[in-house]
Amino acid sequence: MRFVIPGEVIAETPKRDIENSYVENGKTYSAVVGFYYEEKGKVQQLEGPFIPKKGDMVVGVVIEARHNNYLVDINSPYKGILFERGRGPSLITGQVILARVSFVDEVKNVELEDAKVLKGGEIVEIKSAKVPRVLGKSASMLLMLKEMTGCEIVVGANGRVWIVGENSPVATYAILKIEREAHIPGLTDRIKQFLEKELKR
């Protein structure tokens, strides 16, 4: 893994199947600020808005209850529509939910399904591109956060993180620290040391 910026060469040969990259004069360049994983052939973007895709789990806020559906803010340029009135949870404006993106069409109409109400707690918003760093490899970072703070934590692909528990202020600060320092090596060790120090207070 290495940090890359737009226009930086990531391969000396043309590789047209790498997302967030482009090919020019026989070489492949990064099109974004992010991390390049050579073994996976993947550029992970660190900036930019959340663009939903099928299967994403998102933390949303109900902003309108309609006749047969709900309009949901999913922290994206696009709103989500939940078609579950009468056969799902009865929702009200302002409620926080966890839902799955079931469909996205070519003009980014976003349909949601399998909604679950997230009661109490608080919401932290981070850049959606930093979500993989909050999760960690095989969800290792998220597991450490949960175990050390004792909090229940739900991380949406859209950059919204729901936290509930006595140590939620510490968990919140740790997540914001991950977002700020995502590009610096040794992140897991620094977060562990931070949590150990803060939880002893």
C-alpha atoms as a PDB file:
ATOM      1  CA  MET A   1       0.000   0.000   0.000  1.00  0.00           C
ATOM      2  CA  ARG A   2       1.236   3.495  -0.796  1.00  0.00           C
ATOM      3  CA  PHE A   3      -0.223   6.993  -0.707  1.00  0.00           C
ATOM      4  CA  VAL A   4      -0.889   8.474  -4.169  1.00  0.00           C
ATOM      5  CA  ILE A   5      -2.085  11.790  -5.592  1.00  0.00           C
ATOM      6  CA  PRO A   6      -3.802  12.639  -8.914  1.00  0.00           C
ATOM      7  CA  GLY A   7      -1.409  12.240 -11.834  1.00  0.00           C
ATOM      8  CA  GLU A   8       1.001   9.919 -10.009  1.00  0.00           C
ATOM      9  CA  VAL A   9       2.127   6.830 -11.934  1.00  0.00           C
ATOM     10  CA  ILE A  10       0.845   3.623 -10.338  1.00  0.00           C
ATOM     11  CA  ALA A  11       1.850   1.226 -13.129  1.00  0.00           C
ATOM     12  CA  GLU A  12       4.280   1.417 -16.047  1.00  0.00           C
ATOM     13  CA  THR A  13       1.776  -0.531 -18.188  1.00  0.00           C
ATOM     14  CA  PRO A  14      -1.842   0.257 -19.172  1.00  0.00           C
ATOM     15  CA  LYS A  15      -4.302  -1.179 -16.584  1.00  0.00           C
ATOM     16  CA  ARG A  16      -7.790  -0.130 -17.604  1.00  0.00           C
ATOM     17  CA  ASP A  17      -9.661  -2.138 -14.960  1.00  0.00           C
ATOM     18  CA  ILE A  18      -8.422  -0.142 -11.944  1.00  0.00           C
ATOM     19  CA  GLU A  19     -11.104   2.128 -10.516  1.00  0.00           C
ATOM     20  CA  ASN A  20     -10.078   5.742  -9.781  1.00  0.00           C
ATOM     21  CA  SER A  21      -7.276   5.628 -12.357  1.00  0.00           C
ATOM     22  CA  TYR A  22      -6.660   6.494 -16.014  1.00  0.00           C
ATOM     23  CA  VAL A  23      -4.311   5.378 -18.785  1.00  0.00           C
ATOM     24  CA  GLU A  24      -2.181   7.764 -20.824  1.00  0.00           C
ATOM     25  CA  ASN A  25       0.836   7.111 -23.068  1.00  0.00           C
ATOM     26  CA  GLY A  26       0.911   3.456 -22.066  1.00  0.00           C
ATOM     27  CA  LYS A  27       1.069   4.108 -18.308  1.00  0.00           C
ATOM     28  CA  THR A  28      -1.558   4.037 -15.556  1.00  0.00           C
ATOM     29  CA  TYR A  29      -2.064   7.057 -13.289  1.00  0.00           C
ATOM     30  CA  SER A  30      -4.065   7.703 -10.140  1.00  0.00           C
ATOM     31  CA  ALA A  31      -7.049   9.994 -10.715  1.00  0.00           C
ATOM     32  CA  VAL A  32      -7.602  10.683  -7.014  1.00  0.00           C
ATOM     33  CA  VAL A  33      -5.954  11.250  -3.647  1.00  0.00           C
ATOM     34  CA  GLY A  34      -5.839   7.865  -1.959  1.00  0.00           C
ATOM     35  CA  PHE A  35      -4.026   4.603  -1.348  1.00  0.00           C
ATOM     36  CA  TYR A  36      -2.804   2.260  -4.084  1.00  0.00           C
ATOM     37  CA  TYR A  37      -2.877  -1.451  -3.219  1.00  0.00           C
ATOM     38  CA  GLU A  38      -0.629  -3.076  -5.808  1.00  0.00           C
ATOM     39  CA  GLU A  39      -1.479  -6.657  -4.813  1.00  0.00           C
ATOM     40  CA  LYS A  40      -5.211  -5.930  -5.203  1.00  0.00           C
ATOM     41  CA  GLY A  41      -4.863  -3.636  -8.210  1.00  0.00           C
ATOM     42  CA  LYS A  42      -7.008  -1.075  -6.419  1.00  0.00           C
ATOM     43  CA  VAL A  43      -6.925   2.665  -5.756  1.00  0.00           C
ATOM     44  CA  GLN A  44      -8.926   3.579  -2.646  1.00  0.00           C
ATOM     45  CA  GLN A  45     -10.068   7.199  -2.763  1.00  0.00           C
ATOM     46  CA  LEU A  46      -9.626   9.366   0.347  1.00  0.00           C
ATOM     47  CA  GLU A  47     -11.722  12.330  -0.810  1.00  0.00           C
ATOM     48  CA  GLY A  48     -15.038  12.880  -2.546  1.00  0.00           C
ATOM     49  CA  PRO A  49     -18.784  12.480  -1.811  1.00  0.00           C
ATOM     50  CA  PHE A  50     -20.511   9.186  -1.056  1.00  0.00           C
ATOM     51  CA  ILE A  51     -21.859   7.600  -4.249  1.00  0.00           C
ATOM     52  CA  PRO A  52     -24.198   4.731  -3.268  1.00  0.00           C
ATOM     53  CA  LYS A  53     -24.066   1.317  -4.883  1.00  0.00           C
ATOM     54  CA  LYS A  54     -26.151  -1.820  -4.473  1.00  0.00           C
ATOM     55  CA  GLY A  55     -25.386  -3.699  -1.264  1.00  0.00           C
ATOM     56  CA  ASP A  56     -24.041  -0.720   0.701  1.00  0.00           C
ATOM     57  CA  MET A  57     -25.215  -0.539   4.318  1.00  0.00           C
ATOM     58  CA  VAL A  58     -25.984   3.087   5.147  1.00  0.00           C
ATOM     59  CA  VAL A  59     -26.913   5.043   8.254  1.00  0.00           C
ATOM     60  CA  GLY A  60     -29.692   7.384   7.189  1.00  0.00           C
ATOM     61  CA  VAL A  61     -32.049   9.961   8.665  1.00  0.00           C
ATOM     62  CA  VAL A  62     -35.732   9.960   7.721  1.00  0.00           C
ATOM     63  CA  ILE A  63     -36.546  13.413   6.335  1.00  0.00           C
ATOM     64  CA  GLU A  64     -40.050  12.847   4.973  1.00  0.00           C
ATOM     65  CA  ALA A  65     -42.854  10.310   5.503  1.00  0.00           C
ATOM     66  CA  ARG A  66     -44.891   9.942   2.302  1.00  0.00           C
ATOM     67  CA  HIS A  67     -48.022   7.964   1.393  1.00  0.00           C
ATOM     68  CA  ASN A  68     -46.239   4.700   0.632  1.00  0.00           C
ATOM     69  CA  ASN A  69     -42.548   5.390   1.253  1.00  0.00           C
ATOM     70  CA  TYR A  70     -40.007   7.402   3.205  1.00  0.00           C
ATOM     71  CA  LEU A  71     -37.415   9.864   1.909  1.00  0.00           C
ATOM     72  CA  VAL A  72     -34.081   9.302   3.630  1.00  0.00           C
ATOM     73  CA  ASP A  73     -30.968  11.500   3.876  1.00  0.00           C
ATOM     74  CA  ILE A  74     -28.033   9.147   3.248  1.00  0.00           C
ATOM     75  CA  ASN A  75     -25.218  11.723   3.447  1.00  0.00           C
ATOM     76  CA  SER A  76     -24.915  11.822  -0.328  1.00  0.00           C
ATOM     77  CA  PRO A  77     -25.831  14.160  -3.188  1.00  0.00           C
ATOM     78  CA  TYR A  78     -28.669  11.640  -3.696  1.00  0.00           C
ATOM     79  CA  LYS A  79     -31.572  10.798  -1.360  1.00  0.00           C
ATOM     80  CA  GLY A  80     -32.722   7.282  -0.561  1.00  0.00           C
ATOM     81  CA  ILE A  81     -36.307   6.021  -0.869  1.00  0.00           C
ATOM     82  CA  LEU A  82     -37.520   3.320   1.506  1.00  0.00           C
ATOM     83  CA  PHE A  83     -40.592   1.448   0.200  1.00  0.00           C
ATOM     84  CA  GLU A  84     -41.578  -0.231   3.439  1.00  0.00           C
ATOM     85  CA  ARG A  85     -44.693   1.584   4.662  1.00  0.00           C
ATOM     86  CA  GLY A  86     -47.218  -1.008   5.825  1.00  0.00           C
ATOM     87  CA  ARG A  87     -44.718  -3.890   5.741  1.00  0.00           C
ATOM     88  CA  GLY A  88     -41.758  -2.556   7.664  1.00  0.00           C
ATOM     89  CA  PRO A  89     -41.028  -0.399  10.703  1.00  0.00           C
ATOM     90  CA  SER A  90     -43.284   2.605  11.196  1.00  0.00           C
ATOM     91  CA  LEU A  91     -40.931   5.560  10.963  1.00  0.00           C
ATOM     92  CA  ILE A  92     -41.130   9.250  11.781  1.00  0.00           C
ATOM     93  CA  THR A  93     -39.167  12.246  10.559  1.00  0.00           C
ATOM     94  CA  GLY A  94     -35.799  12.546  12.277  1.00  0.00           C
ATOM     95  CA  GLN A  95     -35.368   8.860  13.095  1.00  0.00           C
ATOM     96  CA  VAL A  96     -31.985   7.296  12.428  1.00  0.00           C
ATOM     97  CA  ILE A  97     -32.011   3.992  10.543  1.00  0.00           C
ATOM     98  CA  LEU A  98     -29.597   1.408   9.205  1.00  0.00           C
ATOM     99  CA  ALA A  99     -30.642   0.220   5.738  1.00  0.00           C
ATOM    100  CA  ARG A 100     -29.277  -1.610   2.716  1.00  0.00           C
ATOM    101  CA  VAL A 101     -29.085  -0.072  -0.758  1.00  0.00           C
ATOM    102  CA  SER A 102     -31.188  -2.425  -2.882  1.00  0.00           C
ATOM    103  CA  PHE A 103     -31.132  -0.595  -6.206  1.00  0.00           C
ATOM    104  CA  VAL A 104     -29.425   2.348  -7.921  1.00  0.00           C
ATOM    105  CA  ASP A 105     -30.387   3.337 -11.456  1.00  0.00           C
ATOM    106  CA  GLU A 106     -28.434   5.273 -14.072  1.00  0.00           C
ATOM    107  CA  VAL A 107     -29.649   8.655 -12.785  1.00  0.00           C
ATOM    108  CA  LYS A 108     -28.886   7.681  -9.174  1.00  0.00           C
ATOM    109  CA  ASN A 109     -32.396   7.013  -7.885  1.00  0.00           C
ATOM    110  CA  VAL A 110     -31.569   5.080  -4.723  1.00  0.00           C
ATOM    111  CA  GLU A 111     -33.887   2.484  -3.196  1.00  0.00           C
ATOM    112  CA  LEU A 112     -33.385   1.136   0.332  1.00  0.00           C
ATOM    113  CA  GLU A 113     -34.545  -2.022   2.116  1.00  0.00           C
ATOM    114  CA  ASP A 114     -34.221  -3.966   5.403  1.00  0.00           C
ATOM    115  CA  ALA A 115     -34.439  -0.860   7.588  1.00  0.00           C
ATOM    116  CA  LYS A 116     -33.645  -1.086  11.283  1.00  0.00           C
ATOM    117  CA  VAL A 117     -34.201   1.808  13.689  1.00  0.00           C
ATOM    118  CA  LEU A 118     -31.102   2.889  15.644  1.00  0.00           C
ATOM    119  CA  LYS A 119     -32.406   4.177  18.982  1.00  0.00           C
ATOM    120  CA  GLY A 120     -30.575   6.732  21.117  1.00  0.00           C
ATOM    121  CA  GLY A 121     -26.841   7.208  20.749  1.00  0.00           C
ATOM    122  CA  GLU A 122     -25.189   9.811  18.585  1.00  0.00           C
ATOM    123  CA  ILE A 123     -24.074  10.228  14.997  1.00  0.00           C
ATOM    124  CA  VAL A 124     -20.523  11.064  13.899  1.00  0.00           C
ATOM    125  CA  GLU A 125     -19.945  12.013  10.271  1.00  0.00           C
ATOM    126  CA  ILE A 126     -16.673  11.280   8.515  1.00  0.00           C
ATOM    127  CA  LYS A 127     -15.642  11.250   4.878  1.00  0.00           C
ATOM    128  CA  SER A 128     -17.062   8.116   3.296  1.00  0.00           C
ATOM    129  CA  ALA A 129     -13.699   7.395   1.664  1.00  0.00           C
ATOM    130  CA  LYS A 130     -12.214   6.965   5.170  1.00  0.00           C
ATOM    131  CA  VAL A 131     -14.742   4.275   6.197  1.00  0.00           C
ATOM    132  CA  PRO A 132     -12.410   1.369   5.240  1.00  0.00           C
ATOM    133  CA  ARG A 133      -9.809   2.750   7.679  1.00  0.00           C
ATOM    134  CA  VAL A 134     -12.379   2.910  10.509  1.00  0.00           C
ATOM    135  CA  LEU A 135     -13.332  -0.689   9.757  1.00  0.00           C
ATOM    136  CA  GLY A 136      -9.756  -1.920   9.337  1.00  0.00           C
ATOM    137  CA  LYS A 137      -8.630  -5.134   7.704  1.00  0.00           C
ATOM    138  CA  SER A 138     -11.258  -7.829   8.356  1.00  0.00           C
ATOM    139  CA  ALA A 139     -13.027  -5.249  10.595  1.00  0.00           C
ATOM    140  CA  SER A 140     -10.087  -5.355  13.042  1.00  0.00           C
ATOM    141  CA  MET A 141     -10.117  -1.620  13.838  1.00  0.00           C
ATOM    142  CA  LEU A 142     -13.869  -1.578  14.481  1.00  0.00           C
ATOM    143  CA  LEU A 143     -13.608  -4.659  16.702  1.00  0.00           C
ATOM    144  CA  MET A 144     -10.854  -3.004  18.748  1.00  0.00           C
ATOM    145  CA  LEU A 145     -12.936   0.167  19.150  1.00  0.00           C
ATOM    146  CA  LYS A 146     -15.944  -1.824  20.339  1.00  0.00           C
ATOM    147  CA  GLU A 147     -14.004  -4.048  22.729  1.00  0.00           C
ATOM    148  CA  MET A 148     -11.935  -1.292  24.323  1.00  0.00           C
ATOM    149  CA  THR A 149     -14.760   1.258  24.714  1.00  0.00           C
ATOM    150  CA  GLY A 150     -17.633  -1.148  25.350  1.00  0.00           C
ATOM    151  CA  CYS A 151     -19.741   0.858  22.909  1.00  0.00           C
ATOM    152  CA  GLU A 152     -22.093  -0.403  20.256  1.00  0.00           C
ATOM    153  CA  ILE A 153     -20.844   1.079  16.982  1.00  0.00           C
ATOM    154  CA  VAL A 154     -22.431   0.873  13.527  1.00  0.00           C
ATOM    155  CA  VAL A 155     -20.396   2.163  10.585  1.00  0.00           C
ATOM    156  CA  GLY A 156     -22.297   3.076   7.429  1.00  0.00           C
ATOM    157  CA  ALA A 157     -20.631   3.005   4.024  1.00  0.00           C
ATOM    158  CA  ASN A 158     -21.913   6.574   3.650  1.00  0.00           C
ATOM    159  CA  GLY A 159     -19.585   7.951   6.344  1.00  0.00           C
ATOM    160  CA  ARG A 160     -22.118   8.084   9.170  1.00  0.00           C
ATOM    161  CA  VAL A 161     -21.150   6.278  12.354  1.00  0.00           C
ATOM    162  CA  TRP A 162     -23.746   5.565  15.069  1.00  0.00           C
ATOM    163  CA  ILE A 163     -22.373   5.157  18.594  1.00  0.00           C
ATOM    164  CA  VAL A 164     -24.097   4.334  21.884  1.00  0.00           C
ATOM    165  CA  GLY A 165     -22.447   3.603  25.231  1.00  0.00           C
ATOM    166  CA  GLU A 166     -20.877   5.140  28.314  1.00  0.00           C
ATOM    167  CA  ASN A 167     -17.562   5.763  26.554  1.00  0.00           C
ATOM    168  CA  SER A 168     -19.105   7.215  23.386  1.00  0.00           C
ATOM    169  CA  PRO A 169     -17.120  10.510  23.702  1.00  0.00           C
ATOM    170  CA  VAL A 170     -13.845   8.551  23.645  1.00  0.00           C
ATOM    171  CA  ALA A 171     -15.042   6.369  20.768  1.00  0.00           C
ATOM    172  CA  THR A 172     -16.115   9.484  18.856  1.00  0.00           C
ATOM    173  CA  TYR A 173     -12.743  11.171  19.304  1.00  0.00           C
ATOM    174  CA  ALA A 174     -10.942   7.967  18.257  1.00  0.00           C
ATOM    175  CA  ILE A 175     -12.997   7.733  15.053  1.00  0.00           C
ATOM    176  CA  LEU A 176     -12.301  11.378  14.176  1.00  0.00           C
ATOM    177  CA  LYS A 177      -8.613  10.739  14.877  1.00  0.00           C
ATOM    178  CA  ILE A 178      -8.700   7.784  12.459  1.00  0.00           C
ATOM    179  CA  GLU A 179     -10.248  10.048   9.817  1.00  0.00           C
ATOM    180  CA  ARG A 180      -7.567  12.729  10.285  1.00  0.00           C
ATOM    181  CA  GLU A 181      -4.629  10.314  10.376  1.00  0.00           C
ATOM    182  CA  ALA A 182      -5.824   7.665   7.894  1.00  0.00           C
ATOM    183  CA  HIS A 183      -2.856   8.272   5.580  1.00  0.00           C
ATOM    184  CA  ILE A 184      -0.167   7.961   8.281  1.00  0.00           C
ATOM    185  CA  PRO A 185       1.460   4.544   8.865  1.00  0.00           C
ATOM    186  CA  GLY A 186       1.052   2.839  12.257  1.00  0.00           C
ATOM    187  CA  LEU A 187      -2.562   3.942  12.654  1.00  0.00           C
ATOM    188  CA  THR A 188      -3.785   0.908  14.615  1.00  0.00           C
ATOM    189  CA  ASP A 189      -1.042   1.176  17.230  1.00  0.00           C
ATOM    190  CA  ARG A 190      -1.662   4.907  17.684  1.00  0.00           C
ATOM    191  CA  ILE A 191      -5.400   4.402  18.152  1.00  0.00           C
ATOM    192  CA  LYS A 192      -4.813   1.589  20.641  1.00  0.00           C
ATOM    193  CA  GLN A 193      -2.426   3.765  22.657  1.00  0.00           C
ATOM    194  CA  PHE A 194      -4.883   6.661  22.544  1.00  0.00           C
ATOM    195  CA  LEU A 195      -7.736   4.485  23.811  1.00  0.00           C
ATOM    196  CA  GLU A 196      -5.620   2.959  26.584  1.00  0.00           C
ATOM    197  CA  LYS A 197      -4.627   6.435  27.775  1.00  0.00           C
ATOM    198  CA  GLU A 198      -8.110   7.962  27.585  1.00  0.00           C
ATOM    199  CA  LEU A 199      -9.908   5.042  29.203  1.00  0.00           C
ATOM    200  CA  LYS A 200      -7.603   5.132  32.243  1.00  0.00           C
ATOM    201  CA  ARG A 201      -8.669   8.680  33.105  1.00  0.00           C
END
